[in-house]
Amino acid sequence: MSTTTADQRVSAVTVRPRYDGANIRTWVGFRQFLAMAEETVLGWFRERGAGPQRLYHEFGLGLSIVDSSGLLPAVLEVDDEVTGEARLTKPGRFAVTLTVERAGTRTVTMRGKVTVALVEEHGAPVPPAAPADVTALLPDLGTATSVVVPAVTAADAATAPPALDAADDDPMRLLAPPGSGVFGWTWRARYPLCHYSDRLQHSSYVAALEEVVDRFLAERGISVGRMLAERGWIPVVSRARVRMLADVHMEEEVHTTFTVTDVLKNLTWEARMDCYVAREGRLTHTATASILHGYAISRGSGAGGLAELDEATVAALTGGRR
């Protein structure tokens, strides 16, 4: 459901978490927060008659989330009815707030930012529209010059890291060499992870961030299941960001690294994910992400609080390199 607001730059929608996101008790994870932020921004475009379907079939453009981030100050339950508000701050950039009503007051569950690109889809039924046509369709978007791009790379060309030389046929020997403390995982850009019949979509990187954390913790001997069973510790995320740097095409292999970068006051740990594809003997950096993780205590006298990380847990997270 979409709600028109007095401010032409703002749209509000009502959304709910997906049931499959309630993996710990009835709380939903960070992936659901970012998914609802995406849905909120899509609502902004749909309210203006420029949903993804029309942009593709009439303008030859793919509406793509290329960057999203969120601070998560409160938990979200699976049956919560969430109000998402998207406010246009610059062309293609939105401030997103998710709120729920609890005890008669509105509680903020996420404050985030989302950046959108309209990518020229050369396989679309019509030729890609010029930025002037998009400005006419969406006058309150502002100048569309920086929003309509030939590829995701062009949307972030100024900050995208340079390509890396591949040392041999196995990129992971370069990206996560033995003894480096870097965790590596390779996965395939299967068609359910793509959109517009070609490109890996942003939400697939969000899912990859969720999965690489799970794989990393299991490899370090502190899997989610083990920590729940032995200590009653529930993984929680208070901040996350996922940013696309270049296109990945269907069926390419995505080489992913994950590294813990800091442990803060023995309560939370910060980590980074980077993704690459190998093309013609070189590695191209396609996405980067950061996440701030901790553990909530689920039982006993400290239930509801943050668990203090002991030396063994910190050593497992950091590979003993702290």
C-alpha atoms as a PDB file:
ATOM      1  CA  MET A   1       0.000   0.000   0.000  1.00  0.00           C
ATOM      2  CA  SER A   2       1.333   3.430  -0.965  1.00  0.00           C
ATOM      3  CA  THR A   3       0.541   6.712   0.770  1.00  0.00           C
ATOM      4  CA  THR A   4       0.920  10.137  -0.837  1.00  0.00           C
ATOM      5  CA  THR A   5       2.579  12.795   1.325  1.00  0.00           C
ATOM      6  CA  ALA A   6       2.524  16.585   1.144  1.00  0.00           C
ATOM      7  CA  ASP A   7       6.204  16.708   0.252  1.00  0.00           C
ATOM      8  CA  GLN A   8       6.550  15.686  -3.409  1.00  0.00           C
ATOM      9  CA  ARG A   9       9.979  14.212  -2.708  1.00  0.00           C
ATOM     10  CA  VAL A  10       8.582  11.723  -0.172  1.00  0.00           C
ATOM     11  CA  SER A  11       6.578   8.514  -0.483  1.00  0.00           C
ATOM     12  CA  ALA A  12       5.408   6.150   2.238  1.00  0.00           C
ATOM     13  CA  VAL A  13       4.442   2.498   1.878  1.00  0.00           C
ATOM     14  CA  THR A  14       3.241  -0.223   4.220  1.00  0.00           C
ATOM     15  CA  VAL A  15       5.281  -3.427   4.111  1.00  0.00           C
ATOM     16  CA  ARG A  16       5.786  -6.564   6.184  1.00  0.00           C
ATOM     17  CA  PRO A  17       8.839  -8.778   6.696  1.00  0.00           C
ATOM     18  CA  ARG A  18       8.906 -12.025   4.755  1.00  0.00           C
ATOM     19  CA  TYR A  19       8.169 -15.091   6.871  1.00  0.00           C
ATOM     20  CA  ASP A  20      11.337 -16.843   5.688  1.00  0.00           C
ATOM     21  CA  GLY A  21      13.389 -14.125   7.394  1.00  0.00           C
ATOM     22  CA  ALA A  22      12.278 -15.104  10.905  1.00  0.00           C
ATOM     23  CA  ASN A  23      15.142 -17.499  11.613  1.00  0.00           C
ATOM     24  CA  ILE A  24      15.815 -16.710  15.297  1.00  0.00           C
ATOM     25  CA  ARG A  25      12.679 -16.823  17.452  1.00  0.00           C
ATOM     26  CA  THR A  26      10.259 -14.445  15.665  1.00  0.00           C
ATOM     27  CA  TRP A  27      12.888 -11.794  14.963  1.00  0.00           C
ATOM     28  CA  VAL A  28      13.883 -11.104  11.390  1.00  0.00           C
ATOM     29  CA  GLY A  29      17.454 -10.544  10.227  1.00  0.00           C
ATOM     30  CA  PHE A  30      19.186  -7.617   8.549  1.00  0.00           C
ATOM     31  CA  ARG A  31      18.443  -8.956   5.060  1.00  0.00           C
ATOM     32  CA  GLN A  32      14.754  -8.297   5.657  1.00  0.00           C
ATOM     33  CA  PHE A  33      15.431  -4.712   6.734  1.00  0.00           C
ATOM     34  CA  LEU A  34      17.313  -3.999   3.527  1.00  0.00           C
ATOM     35  CA  ALA A  35      14.634  -5.778   1.483  1.00  0.00           C
ATOM     36  CA  MET A  36      11.951  -3.526   2.962  1.00  0.00           C
ATOM     37  CA  ALA A  37      14.100  -0.471   2.286  1.00  0.00           C
ATOM     38  CA  GLU A  38      14.310  -1.604  -1.341  1.00  0.00           C
ATOM     39  CA  GLU A  39      10.546  -2.105  -1.471  1.00  0.00           C
ATOM     40  CA  THR A  40      10.041   1.378  -0.037  1.00  0.00           C
ATOM     41  CA  VAL A  41      12.142   2.965  -2.802  1.00  0.00           C
ATOM     42  CA  LEU A  42      10.369   0.908  -5.454  1.00  0.00           C
ATOM     43  CA  GLY A  43       7.133   2.305  -4.014  1.00  0.00           C
ATOM     44  CA  TRP A  44       8.453   5.842  -4.605  1.00  0.00           C
ATOM     45  CA  PHE A  45       8.873   5.075  -8.309  1.00  0.00           C
ATOM     46  CA  ARG A  46       5.586   3.179  -8.614  1.00  0.00           C
ATOM     47  CA  GLU A  47       3.654   6.028  -7.017  1.00  0.00           C
ATOM     48  CA  ARG A  48       4.944   8.253  -9.818  1.00  0.00           C
ATOM     49  CA  GLY A  49       3.939   5.850 -12.563  1.00  0.00           C
ATOM     50  CA  ALA A  50       7.522   4.726 -13.140  1.00  0.00           C
ATOM     51  CA  GLY A  51       7.680   1.225 -11.709  1.00  0.00           C
ATOM     52  CA  PRO A  52      10.286  -1.271 -12.959  1.00  0.00           C
ATOM     53  CA  GLN A  53       7.884  -2.849 -15.462  1.00  0.00           C
ATOM     54  CA  ARG A  54       7.085   0.432 -17.232  1.00  0.00           C
ATOM     55  CA  LEU A  55      10.681   1.659 -17.158  1.00  0.00           C
ATOM     56  CA  TYR A  56      11.813  -1.547 -18.849  1.00  0.00           C
ATOM     57  CA  HIS A  57       9.084  -1.992 -21.474  1.00  0.00           C
ATOM     58  CA  GLU A  58       8.571   1.660 -22.427  1.00  0.00           C
ATOM     59  CA  PHE A  59      11.961   3.208 -21.708  1.00  0.00           C
ATOM     60  CA  GLY A  60      14.422   0.304 -22.021  1.00  0.00           C
ATOM     61  CA  LEU A  61      15.780   0.949 -18.518  1.00  0.00           C
ATOM     62  CA  GLY A  62      16.462  -1.392 -15.611  1.00  0.00           C
ATOM     63  CA  LEU A  63      15.664   0.066 -12.186  1.00  0.00           C
ATOM     64  CA  SER A  64      18.585  -1.168 -10.084  1.00  0.00           C
ATOM     65  CA  ILE A  65      19.510  -0.677  -6.452  1.00  0.00           C
ATOM     66  CA  VAL A  66      23.289  -0.163  -6.443  1.00  0.00           C
ATOM     67  CA  ASP A  67      23.948   0.835  -2.825  1.00  0.00           C
ATOM     68  CA  SER A  68      22.015   0.407   0.406  1.00  0.00           C
ATOM     69  CA  SER A  69      22.916   0.828   4.042  1.00  0.00           C
ATOM     70  CA  GLY A  70      21.085   0.789   7.321  1.00  0.00           C
ATOM     71  CA  LEU A  71      21.395   1.427  11.030  1.00  0.00           C
ATOM     72  CA  LEU A  72      19.151  -0.968  12.958  1.00  0.00           C
ATOM     73  CA  PRO A  73      18.349   0.509  16.386  1.00  0.00           C
ATOM     74  CA  ALA A  74      15.450  -1.845  17.242  1.00  0.00           C
ATOM     75  CA  VAL A  75      14.385  -5.423  16.560  1.00  0.00           C
ATOM     76  CA  LEU A  76      11.732  -6.267  14.013  1.00  0.00           C
ATOM     77  CA  GLU A  77       9.179  -9.041  14.520  1.00  0.00           C
ATOM     78  CA  VAL A  78       7.754 -11.207  11.779  1.00  0.00           C
ATOM     79  CA  ASP A  79       4.181  -9.898  12.236  1.00  0.00           C
ATOM     80  CA  ASP A  80       5.124  -6.222  12.433  1.00  0.00           C
ATOM     81  CA  GLU A  81       3.387  -3.890  10.025  1.00  0.00           C
ATOM     82  CA  VAL A  82       6.110  -1.545   8.892  1.00  0.00           C
ATOM     83  CA  THR A  83       5.797   1.951   7.477  1.00  0.00           C
ATOM     84  CA  GLY A  84       8.592   2.687   5.042  1.00  0.00           C
ATOM     85  CA  GLU A  85       9.295   6.286   4.066  1.00  0.00           C
ATOM     86  CA  ALA A  86      11.570   7.171   1.151  1.00  0.00           C
ATOM     87  CA  ARG A  87      12.763  10.760   0.832  1.00  0.00           C
ATOM     88  CA  LEU A  88      14.650  11.858  -2.280  1.00  0.00           C
ATOM     89  CA  THR A  89      17.792  13.706  -1.187  1.00  0.00           C
ATOM     90  CA  LYS A  90      19.757  13.894  -4.478  1.00  0.00           C
ATOM     91  CA  PRO A  91      19.112  12.489  -7.953  1.00  0.00           C
ATOM     92  CA  GLY A  92      18.875   8.740  -7.450  1.00  0.00           C
ATOM     93  CA  ARG A  93      19.604   8.898  -3.721  1.00  0.00           C
ATOM     94  CA  PHE A  94      17.061   8.283  -0.984  1.00  0.00           C
ATOM     95  CA  ALA A  95      16.929   8.447   2.784  1.00  0.00           C
ATOM     96  CA  VAL A  96      14.776   5.586   4.034  1.00  0.00           C
ATOM     97  CA  THR A  97      13.172   5.188   7.445  1.00  0.00           C
ATOM     98  CA  LEU A  98      11.322   2.098   8.662  1.00  0.00           C
ATOM     99  CA  THR A  99       9.002   2.467  11.668  1.00  0.00           C
ATOM    100  CA  VAL A 100       6.531   0.307  13.582  1.00  0.00           C
ATOM    101  CA  GLU A 101       3.867   1.212  16.112  1.00  0.00           C
ATOM    102  CA  ARG A 102       4.498  -0.160  19.599  1.00  0.00           C
ATOM    103  CA  ALA A 103       2.611   0.806  22.752  1.00  0.00           C
ATOM    104  CA  GLY A 104       0.949   3.642  20.893  1.00  0.00           C
ATOM    105  CA  THR A 105       4.151   5.285  19.643  1.00  0.00           C
ATOM    106  CA  ARG A 106       6.162   5.036  16.436  1.00  0.00           C
ATOM    107  CA  THR A 107       9.469   3.223  16.893  1.00  0.00           C
ATOM    108  CA  VAL A 108      12.256   3.571  14.337  1.00  0.00           C
ATOM    109  CA  THR A 109      13.648   0.175  13.370  1.00  0.00           C
ATOM    110  CA  MET A 110      15.926   1.333  10.550  1.00  0.00           C
ATOM    111  CA  ARG A 111      17.515   4.496   9.245  1.00  0.00           C
ATOM    112  CA  GLY A 112      19.100   3.921   5.884  1.00  0.00           C
ATOM    113  CA  LYS A 113      20.236   5.205   2.525  1.00  0.00           C
ATOM    114  CA  VAL A 114      19.534   3.729  -0.893  1.00  0.00           C
ATOM    115  CA  THR A 115      21.047   4.684  -4.239  1.00  0.00           C
ATOM    116  CA  VAL A 116      19.345   3.797  -7.518  1.00  0.00           C
ATOM    117  CA  ALA A 117      20.614   3.644 -11.101  1.00  0.00           C
ATOM    118  CA  LEU A 118      18.517   3.351 -14.249  1.00  0.00           C
ATOM    119  CA  VAL A 119      20.637   1.020 -16.355  1.00  0.00           C
ATOM    120  CA  GLU A 120      20.357   0.961 -20.152  1.00  0.00           C
ATOM    121  CA  GLU A 121      19.107  -2.560 -20.866  1.00  0.00           C
ATOM    122  CA  HIS A 122      20.191  -3.337 -24.410  1.00  0.00           C
ATOM    123  CA  GLY A 123      18.077  -6.501 -24.464  1.00  0.00           C
ATOM    124  CA  ALA A 124      14.915  -4.525 -23.626  1.00  0.00           C
ATOM    125  CA  PRO A 125      11.965  -4.354 -26.081  1.00  0.00           C
ATOM    126  CA  VAL A 126      12.753  -0.686 -26.873  1.00  0.00           C
ATOM    127  CA  PRO A 127      16.001   1.324 -27.128  1.00  0.00           C
ATOM    128  CA  PRO A 128      17.130   2.926 -23.857  1.00  0.00           C
ATOM    129  CA  ALA A 129      15.600   6.339 -23.203  1.00  0.00           C
ATOM    130  CA  ALA A 130      17.654   9.502 -22.997  1.00  0.00           C
ATOM    131  CA  PRO A 131      18.051  11.210 -19.602  1.00  0.00           C
ATOM    132  CA  ALA A 132      15.804  14.041 -20.839  1.00  0.00           C
ATOM    133  CA  ASP A 133      12.953  11.556 -21.309  1.00  0.00           C
ATOM    134  CA  VAL A 134      13.408  10.314 -17.748  1.00  0.00           C
ATOM    135  CA  THR A 135      13.437  13.877 -16.421  1.00  0.00           C
ATOM    136  CA  ALA A 136      10.130  14.464 -18.211  1.00  0.00           C
ATOM    137  CA  LEU A 137       8.682  11.297 -16.675  1.00  0.00           C
ATOM    138  CA  LEU A 138      10.075  11.984 -13.202  1.00  0.00           C
ATOM    139  CA  PRO A 139      10.511  15.753 -12.828  1.00  0.00           C
ATOM    140  CA  ASP A 140      10.965  15.518  -9.062  1.00  0.00           C
ATOM    141  CA  LEU A 141      13.898  13.131  -9.558  1.00  0.00           C
ATOM    142  CA  GLY A 142      15.959  16.153 -10.575  1.00  0.00           C
ATOM    143  CA  THR A 143      18.579  15.831 -13.296  1.00  0.00           C
ATOM    144  CA  ALA A 144      18.642  12.274 -14.617  1.00  0.00           C
ATOM    145  CA  THR A 145      22.094  12.577 -16.158  1.00  0.00           C
ATOM    146  CA  SER A 146      23.765  10.872 -13.210  1.00  0.00           C
ATOM    147  CA  VAL A 147      20.955   8.338 -12.779  1.00  0.00           C
ATOM    148  CA  VAL A 148      20.685   6.889 -16.300  1.00  0.00           C
ATOM    149  CA  VAL A 149      23.877   4.877 -16.942  1.00  0.00           C
ATOM    150  CA  PRO A 150      25.068   2.320 -19.519  1.00  0.00           C
ATOM    151  CA  ALA A 151      26.150  -0.112 -16.773  1.00  0.00           C
ATOM    152  CA  VAL A 152      26.422  -0.297 -12.995  1.00  0.00           C
ATOM    153  CA  THR A 153      30.131   0.495 -13.296  1.00  0.00           C
ATOM    154  CA  ALA A 154      29.317   3.948 -14.638  1.00  0.00           C
ATOM    155  CA  ALA A 155      27.145   4.679 -11.606  1.00  0.00           C
ATOM    156  CA  ASP A 156      30.189   4.476  -9.312  1.00  0.00           C
ATOM    157  CA  ALA A 157      33.169   4.884 -11.620  1.00  0.00           C
ATOM    158  CA  ALA A 158      34.832   7.515  -9.445  1.00  0.00           C
ATOM    159  CA  THR A 159      35.161   5.264  -6.396  1.00  0.00           C
ATOM    160  CA  ALA A 160      35.413   1.760  -7.885  1.00  0.00           C
ATOM    161  CA  PRO A 161      38.795   0.164  -7.014  1.00  0.00           C
ATOM    162  CA  PRO A 162      41.043  -0.808  -9.929  1.00  0.00           C
ATOM    163  CA  ALA A 163      41.033  -4.325 -11.336  1.00  0.00           C
ATOM    164  CA  LEU A 164      43.508  -6.759  -9.786  1.00  0.00           C
ATOM    165  CA  ASP A 165      45.875  -8.997 -11.731  1.00  0.00           C
ATOM    166  CA  ALA A 166      45.119 -12.681 -11.310  1.00  0.00           C
ATOM    167  CA  ALA A 167      48.192 -14.723 -10.375  1.00  0.00           C
ATOM    168  CA  ASP A 168      46.914 -17.993 -11.821  1.00  0.00           C
ATOM    169  CA  ASP A 169      43.751 -19.909 -12.667  1.00  0.00           C
ATOM    170  CA  ASP A 170      42.590 -19.969  -9.022  1.00  0.00           C
ATOM    171  CA  PRO A 171      41.616 -16.431  -7.933  1.00  0.00           C
ATOM    172  CA  MET A 172      41.302 -17.510  -4.319  1.00  0.00           C
ATOM    173  CA  ARG A 173      45.045 -18.155  -4.117  1.00  0.00           C
ATOM    174  CA  LEU A 174      45.450 -14.441  -4.670  1.00  0.00           C
ATOM    175  CA  LEU A 175      42.415 -13.182  -2.740  1.00  0.00           C
ATOM    176  CA  ALA A 176      42.590 -15.471   0.323  1.00  0.00           C
ATOM    177  CA  PRO A 177      46.069 -17.010   0.498  1.00  0.00           C
ATOM    178  CA  PRO A 178      46.826 -19.505   3.280  1.00  0.00           C
ATOM    179  CA  GLY A 179      47.816 -17.779   6.496  1.00  0.00           C
ATOM    180  CA  SER A 180      46.177 -14.469   5.570  1.00  0.00           C
ATOM    181  CA  GLY A 181      43.175 -14.902   7.848  1.00  0.00           C
ATOM    182  CA  VAL A 182      40.876 -14.086   4.904  1.00  0.00           C
ATOM    183  CA  PHE A 183      37.923 -16.408   4.368  1.00  0.00           C
ATOM    184  CA  GLY A 184      37.095 -17.203   0.745  1.00  0.00           C
ATOM    185  CA  TRP A 185      33.987 -18.575  -0.945  1.00  0.00           C
ATOM    186  CA  THR A 186      33.061 -18.867  -4.619  1.00  0.00           C
ATOM    187  CA  TRP A 187      29.491 -18.987  -5.870  1.00  0.00           C
ATOM    188  CA  ARG A 188      27.726 -18.829  -9.226  1.00  0.00           C
ATOM    189  CA  ALA A 189      25.462 -16.031 -10.406  1.00  0.00           C
ATOM    190  CA  ARG A 190      22.561 -18.391 -11.066  1.00  0.00           C
ATOM    191  CA  TYR A 191      19.580 -17.016 -12.959  1.00  0.00           C
ATOM    192  CA  PRO A 192      17.306 -16.750  -9.843  1.00  0.00           C
ATOM    193  CA  LEU A 193      19.853 -14.255  -8.473  1.00  0.00           C
ATOM    194  CA  CYS A 194      19.732 -12.019 -11.561  1.00  0.00           C
ATOM    195  CA  HIS A 195      17.285  -9.601 -13.136  1.00  0.00           C
ATOM    196  CA  TYR A 196      16.590  -8.231 -16.607  1.00  0.00           C
ATOM    197  CA  SER A 197      17.715 -11.580 -18.054  1.00  0.00           C
ATOM    198  CA  ASP A 198      21.350 -10.704 -17.439  1.00  0.00           C
ATOM    199  CA  ARG A 199      22.665  -8.910 -14.357  1.00  0.00           C
ATOM    200  CA  LEU A 200      23.178  -9.960 -10.747  1.00  0.00           C
ATOM    201  CA  GLN A 201      20.910  -7.870  -8.567  1.00  0.00           C
ATOM    202  CA  HIS A 202      21.703  -6.018  -5.364  1.00  0.00           C
ATOM    203  CA  SER A 203      19.548  -8.228  -3.151  1.00  0.00           C
ATOM    204  CA  SER A 204      21.686 -11.221  -4.164  1.00  0.00           C
ATOM    205  CA  TYR A 205      24.733  -9.521  -2.666  1.00  0.00           C
ATOM    206  CA  VAL A 206      22.740  -8.908   0.533  1.00  0.00           C
ATOM    207  CA  ALA A 207      21.941 -12.632   0.645  1.00  0.00           C
ATOM    208  CA  ALA A 208      25.600 -13.416  -0.053  1.00  0.00           C
ATOM    209  CA  LEU A 209      26.654 -11.252   2.893  1.00  0.00           C
ATOM    210  CA  GLU A 210      24.269 -13.180   5.140  1.00  0.00           C
ATOM    211  CA  GLU A 211      25.583 -16.510   3.838  1.00  0.00           C
ATOM    212  CA  VAL A 212      29.286 -15.686   3.946  1.00  0.00           C
ATOM    213  CA  VAL A 213      28.943 -14.736   7.624  1.00  0.00           C
ATOM    214  CA  ASP A 214      27.335 -18.109   8.315  1.00  0.00           C
ATOM    215  CA  ARG A 215      30.047 -19.968   6.382  1.00  0.00           C
ATOM    216  CA  PHE A 216      32.829 -17.981   8.035  1.00  0.00           C
ATOM    217  CA  LEU A 217      31.546 -18.638  11.566  1.00  0.00           C
ATOM    218  CA  ALA A 218      31.187 -22.366  10.860  1.00  0.00           C
ATOM    219  CA  GLU A 219      34.716 -22.532   9.440  1.00  0.00           C
ATOM    220  CA  ARG A 220      36.055 -20.832  12.589  1.00  0.00           C
ATOM    221  CA  GLY A 221      34.315 -23.355  14.876  1.00  0.00           C
ATOM    222  CA  ILE A 222      31.722 -20.914  16.250  1.00  0.00           C
ATOM    223  CA  SER A 223      28.754 -21.635  14.011  1.00  0.00           C
ATOM    224  CA  VAL A 224      25.418 -19.973  14.697  1.00  0.00           C
ATOM    225  CA  GLY A 225      23.882 -23.289  15.757  1.00  0.00           C
ATOM    226  CA  ARG A 226      26.726 -24.107  18.137  1.00  0.00           C
ATOM    227  CA  MET A 227      26.652 -20.689  19.843  1.00  0.00           C
ATOM    228  CA  LEU A 228      22.894 -20.916  20.253  1.00  0.00           C
ATOM    229  CA  ALA A 229      23.026 -24.427  21.691  1.00  0.00           C
ATOM    230  CA  GLU A 230      26.018 -23.961  23.990  1.00  0.00           C
ATOM    231  CA  ARG A 231      25.690 -20.330  25.097  1.00  0.00           C
ATOM    232  CA  GLY A 232      22.261 -19.092  24.092  1.00  0.00           C
ATOM    233  CA  TRP A 233      23.886 -16.366  21.998  1.00  0.00           C
ATOM    234  CA  ILE A 234      21.833 -15.023  19.098  1.00  0.00           C
ATOM    235  CA  PRO A 235      23.626 -13.215  16.246  1.00  0.00           C
ATOM    236  CA  VAL A 236      22.462  -9.620  15.783  1.00  0.00           C
ATOM    237  CA  VAL A 237      23.395  -6.924  13.278  1.00  0.00           C
ATOM    238  CA  SER A 238      23.273  -3.230  14.105  1.00  0.00           C
ATOM    239  CA  ARG A 239      24.736  -1.806  10.893  1.00  0.00           C
ATOM    240  CA  ALA A 240      25.208  -3.049   7.338  1.00  0.00           C
ATOM    241  CA  ARG A 241      26.023  -1.668   3.909  1.00  0.00           C
ATOM    242  CA  VAL A 242      26.180  -3.358   0.499  1.00  0.00           C
ATOM    243  CA  ARG A 243      27.543  -1.442  -2.512  1.00  0.00           C
ATOM    244  CA  MET A 244      27.789  -2.610  -6.122  1.00  0.00           C
ATOM    245  CA  LEU A 245      30.826  -1.480  -8.112  1.00  0.00           C
ATOM    246  CA  ALA A 246      30.454  -3.290 -11.443  1.00  0.00           C
ATOM    247  CA  ASP A 247      28.049  -5.581 -13.236  1.00  0.00           C
ATOM    248  CA  VAL A 248      28.151  -9.348 -12.831  1.00  0.00           C
ATOM    249  CA  HIS A 249      26.446 -11.300 -15.584  1.00  0.00           C
ATOM    250  CA  MET A 250      24.412 -14.461 -15.372  1.00  0.00           C
ATOM    251  CA  GLU A 251      26.430 -17.645 -14.709  1.00  0.00           C
ATOM    252  CA  GLU A 252      29.693 -15.880 -13.906  1.00  0.00           C
ATOM    253  CA  GLU A 253      31.514 -17.091 -10.797  1.00  0.00           C
ATOM    254  CA  VAL A 254      31.699 -14.618  -7.932  1.00  0.00           C
ATOM    255  CA  HIS A 255      34.823 -14.926  -5.785  1.00  0.00           C
ATOM    256  CA  THR A 256      34.015 -13.602  -2.322  1.00  0.00           C
ATOM    257  CA  THR A 257      36.261 -12.720   0.594  1.00  0.00           C
ATOM    258  CA  PHE A 258      35.307 -12.004   4.186  1.00  0.00           C
ATOM    259  CA  THR A 259      37.543 -10.512   6.861  1.00  0.00           C
ATOM    260  CA  VAL A 260      36.978  -9.327  10.429  1.00  0.00           C
ATOM    261  CA  THR A 261      38.469  -5.835  10.543  1.00  0.00           C
ATOM    262  CA  ASP A 262      37.907  -4.831  14.175  1.00  0.00           C
ATOM    263  CA  VAL A 263      36.541  -5.956  17.541  1.00  0.00           C
ATOM    264  CA  LEU A 264      34.933  -3.097  19.451  1.00  0.00           C
ATOM    265  CA  LYS A 265      35.016  -3.160  23.274  1.00  0.00           C
ATOM    266  CA  ASN A 266      34.643  -6.960  23.174  1.00  0.00           C
ATOM    267  CA  LEU A 267      30.953  -6.481  22.362  1.00  0.00           C
ATOM    268  CA  THR A 268      30.735  -6.228  18.586  1.00  0.00           C
ATOM    269  CA  TRP A 269      32.868  -7.109  15.594  1.00  0.00           C
ATOM    270  CA  GLU A 270      33.136  -5.360  12.271  1.00  0.00           C
ATOM    271  CA  ALA A 271      33.790  -7.214   9.033  1.00  0.00           C
ATOM    272  CA  ARG A 272      34.091  -6.624   5.316  1.00  0.00           C
ATOM    273  CA  MET A 273      32.967  -8.604   2.290  1.00  0.00           C
ATOM    274  CA  ASP A 274      34.415  -8.085  -1.190  1.00  0.00           C
ATOM    275  CA  CYS A 275      33.344  -9.747  -4.435  1.00  0.00           C
ATOM    276  CA  TYR A 276      35.249 -10.232  -7.677  1.00  0.00           C
ATOM    277  CA  VAL A 277      34.860 -11.875 -11.064  1.00  0.00           C
ATOM    278  CA  ALA A 278      37.715 -13.123 -13.244  1.00  0.00           C
ATOM    279  CA  ARG A 279      37.700 -11.985 -16.861  1.00  0.00           C
ATOM    280  CA  GLU A 280      40.507 -12.495 -19.351  1.00  0.00           C
ATOM    281  CA  GLY A 281      43.114 -13.165 -16.675  1.00  0.00           C
ATOM    282  CA  ARG A 282      42.174 -10.225 -14.482  1.00  0.00           C
ATOM    283  CA  LEU A 283      40.008  -9.732 -11.429  1.00  0.00           C
ATOM    284  CA  THR A 284      37.323  -7.053 -11.404  1.00  0.00           C
ATOM    285  CA  HIS A 285      36.014  -5.799  -8.061  1.00  0.00           C
ATOM    286  CA  THR A 286      32.213  -5.976  -8.356  1.00  0.00           C
ATOM    287  CA  ALA A 287      30.897  -5.282  -4.854  1.00  0.00           C
ATOM    288  CA  THR A 288      31.920  -4.424  -1.322  1.00  0.00           C
ATOM    289  CA  ALA A 289      30.031  -4.638   1.950  1.00  0.00           C
ATOM    290  CA  SER A 290      30.490  -4.000   5.646  1.00  0.00           C
ATOM    291  CA  ILE A 291      28.640  -5.345   8.650  1.00  0.00           C
ATOM    292  CA  LEU A 292      28.677  -4.741  12.404  1.00  0.00           C
ATOM    293  CA  HIS A 293      27.823  -7.906  14.270  1.00  0.00           C
ATOM    294  CA  GLY A 294      27.315  -8.946  17.873  1.00  0.00           C
ATOM    295  CA  TYR A 295      25.473 -11.508  19.961  1.00  0.00           C
ATOM    296  CA  ALA A 296      22.327 -11.024  22.013  1.00  0.00           C
ATOM    297  CA  ILE A 297      21.827 -13.186  25.101  1.00  0.00           C
ATOM    298  CA  SER A 298      18.652 -15.246  24.701  1.00  0.00           C
ATOM    299  CA  ARG A 299      18.285 -16.841  28.123  1.00  0.00           C
ATOM    300  CA  GLY A 300      19.204 -16.449  31.769  1.00  0.00           C
ATOM    301  CA  SER A 301      19.617 -13.316  33.877  1.00  0.00           C
ATOM    302  CA  GLY A 302      21.284 -11.383  31.060  1.00  0.00           C
ATOM    303  CA  ALA A 303      18.614 -12.118  28.465  1.00  0.00           C
ATOM    304  CA  GLY A 304      18.145  -9.268  26.031  1.00  0.00           C
ATOM    305  CA  GLY A 305      21.588  -7.762  26.560  1.00  0.00           C
ATOM    306  CA  LEU A 306      24.723  -7.963  24.434  1.00  0.00           C
ATOM    307  CA  ALA A 307      27.091 -10.798  25.195  1.00  0.00           C
ATOM    308  CA  GLU A 308      30.683  -9.925  26.056  1.00  0.00           C
ATOM    309  CA  LEU A 309      33.066 -11.698  23.713  1.00  0.00           C
ATOM    310  CA  ASP A 310      35.563 -13.878  25.562  1.00  0.00           C
ATOM    311  CA  GLU A 311      39.147 -14.471  24.440  1.00  0.00           C
ATOM    312  CA  ALA A 312      38.345 -17.744  22.680  1.00  0.00           C
ATOM    313  CA  THR A 313      35.573 -16.149  20.622  1.00  0.00           C
ATOM    314  CA  VAL A 314      37.710 -13.143  19.708  1.00  0.00           C
ATOM    315  CA  ALA A 315      40.566 -15.462  18.717  1.00  0.00           C
ATOM    316  CA  ALA A 316      38.207 -17.459  16.488  1.00  0.00           C
ATOM    317  CA  LEU A 317      36.841 -14.327  14.834  1.00  0.00           C
ATOM    318  CA  THR A 318      40.225 -12.744  14.213  1.00  0.00           C
ATOM    319  CA  GLY A 319      42.263 -15.866  13.586  1.00  0.00           C
ATOM    320  CA  GLY A 320      44.369 -14.928  16.615  1.00  0.00           C
ATOM    321  CA  ARG A 321      45.580 -11.758  14.869  1.00  0.00           C
ATOM    322  CA  ARG A 322      44.169  -9.210  17.270  1.00  0.00           C
END
